[in-house]
């Protein structure tokens, strides 16, 4: 019997600020810029891309592009997205 699989989208479980923060923290801990960018995109989609566009002042299309697998967002974009998610960037000793 063939195994049936379904598409899983992490955005579906990012329903609280704590879950979003934990999800992004794991991406930051991994250190892969592409994973961090992608994870920011997933978190933004979970929150609602139209609302994120309004809060950041960045168009939906630009957010989708910048926060995709191939995206390379400017640092100001990352900071605006984190702010719109209700999060802040914090540095800790390695």
Protein backbone atom coordinates (compact mmCIF):
# COMPACT_ATOMS: atom_id res chain seq x y z
CA UNK A 1 0.00 0.00 0.00
CA UNK A 2 1.36 3.42 -0.98
CA UNK A 3 1.99 5.95 1.73
CA UNK A 4 -0.22 9.03 1.36
CA UNK A 5 1.34 12.33 2.37
CA UNK A 6 -0.03 15.83 2.63
CA UNK A 7 1.60 19.23 2.39
CA UNK A 8 2.56 20.67 5.79
CA UNK A 9 2.78 24.42 6.27
CA UNK A 10 4.47 25.69 9.44
CA UNK A 11 2.41 28.90 9.16
CA UNK A 12 -0.62 26.90 10.33
CA UNK A 13 0.85 26.37 13.80
CA UNK A 14 2.31 29.85 14.30
CA UNK A 15 -0.80 31.05 16.11
CA UNK A 16 0.75 32.86 19.08
CA UNK A 17 3.62 35.33 19.49
CA UNK A 18 5.41 32.74 21.62
CA UNK A 19 5.24 30.13 18.84
CA UNK A 20 6.45 32.63 16.25
CA UNK A 21 9.34 33.66 18.52
CA UNK A 22 10.35 30.03 19.17
CA UNK A 23 10.16 29.20 15.45
CA UNK A 24 12.33 32.17 14.48
CA UNK A 25 14.76 31.54 17.33
CA UNK A 26 15.45 28.07 15.95
CA UNK A 27 16.08 29.54 12.50
CA UNK A 28 18.44 32.16 13.96
CA UNK A 29 20.26 29.46 15.96
CA UNK A 30 20.79 27.46 12.77
CA UNK A 31 22.58 30.46 11.27
CA UNK A 32 21.67 29.77 7.64
CA UNK A 33 20.65 33.12 6.06
CA UNK A 34 18.34 31.39 3.56
CA UNK A 35 16.55 29.53 6.36
CA UNK A 36 16.19 32.73 8.39
CA UNK A 37 14.76 34.57 5.39
CA UNK A 38 12.36 31.72 4.62
CA UNK A 39 11.28 31.46 8.26
CA UNK A 40 10.55 35.18 8.41
CA UNK A 41 8.38 34.69 5.34
CA UNK A 42 6.50 31.81 6.95
CA UNK A 43 5.92 33.89 10.09
CA UNK A 44 4.73 36.83 7.99
CA UNK A 45 2.29 34.59 6.10
CA UNK A 46 1.01 33.21 9.41
CA UNK A 47 0.26 36.73 10.57
CA UNK A 48 -1.30 37.71 7.23
CA UNK A 49 0.71 39.23 4.42
CA UNK A 50 -1.75 42.08 3.76
CA UNK A 51 -1.56 43.20 7.37
CA UNK A 52 2.21 42.83 7.34
CA UNK A 53 2.36 45.04 4.24
CA UNK A 54 0.31 47.73 5.99
CA UNK A 55 2.37 47.57 9.19
CA UNK A 56 5.74 47.59 7.45
CA UNK A 57 4.92 50.00 4.63
CA UNK A 58 6.28 47.43 2.18
CA UNK A 59 4.08 46.03 -0.60
CA UNK A 60 2.84 42.45 -0.36
CA UNK A 61 4.63 41.53 -3.57
CA UNK A 62 7.92 42.94 -2.29
CA UNK A 63 7.53 41.08 1.01
CA UNK A 64 6.78 37.81 -0.75
CA UNK A 65 9.84 38.25 -2.97
CA UNK A 66 12.21 39.40 -0.20
CA UNK A 67 11.12 36.64 2.20
CA UNK A 68 11.16 33.77 -0.30
CA UNK A 69 13.74 30.98 -0.59
CA UNK A 70 15.64 33.08 -3.09
CA UNK A 71 15.07 36.37 -1.28
CA UNK A 72 17.78 38.58 0.13
CA UNK A 73 15.98 41.20 2.24
CA UNK A 74 17.67 44.37 3.35
CA UNK A 75 18.29 44.57 7.07
CA UNK A 76 15.72 47.35 7.42
CA UNK A 77 13.13 44.97 5.93
CA UNK A 78 14.01 42.31 8.49
CA UNK A 79 13.66 44.84 11.31
CA UNK A 80 10.30 46.08 9.98
CA UNK A 81 8.98 42.53 9.69
CA UNK A 82 10.10 41.65 13.21
CA UNK A 83 8.44 44.83 14.52
CA UNK A 84 5.21 44.01 12.66
CA UNK A 85 5.31 40.54 14.21
CA UNK A 86 5.59 42.14 17.64
CA UNK A 87 9.13 40.87 18.11
CA UNK A 88 12.52 42.49 18.59
CA UNK A 89 16.00 41.42 17.70
CA UNK A 90 18.13 40.61 20.72
CA UNK A 91 21.83 39.79 20.93
CA UNK A 92 23.17 37.28 23.45
CA UNK A 93 26.67 35.95 24.00
CA UNK A 94 27.47 32.93 21.83
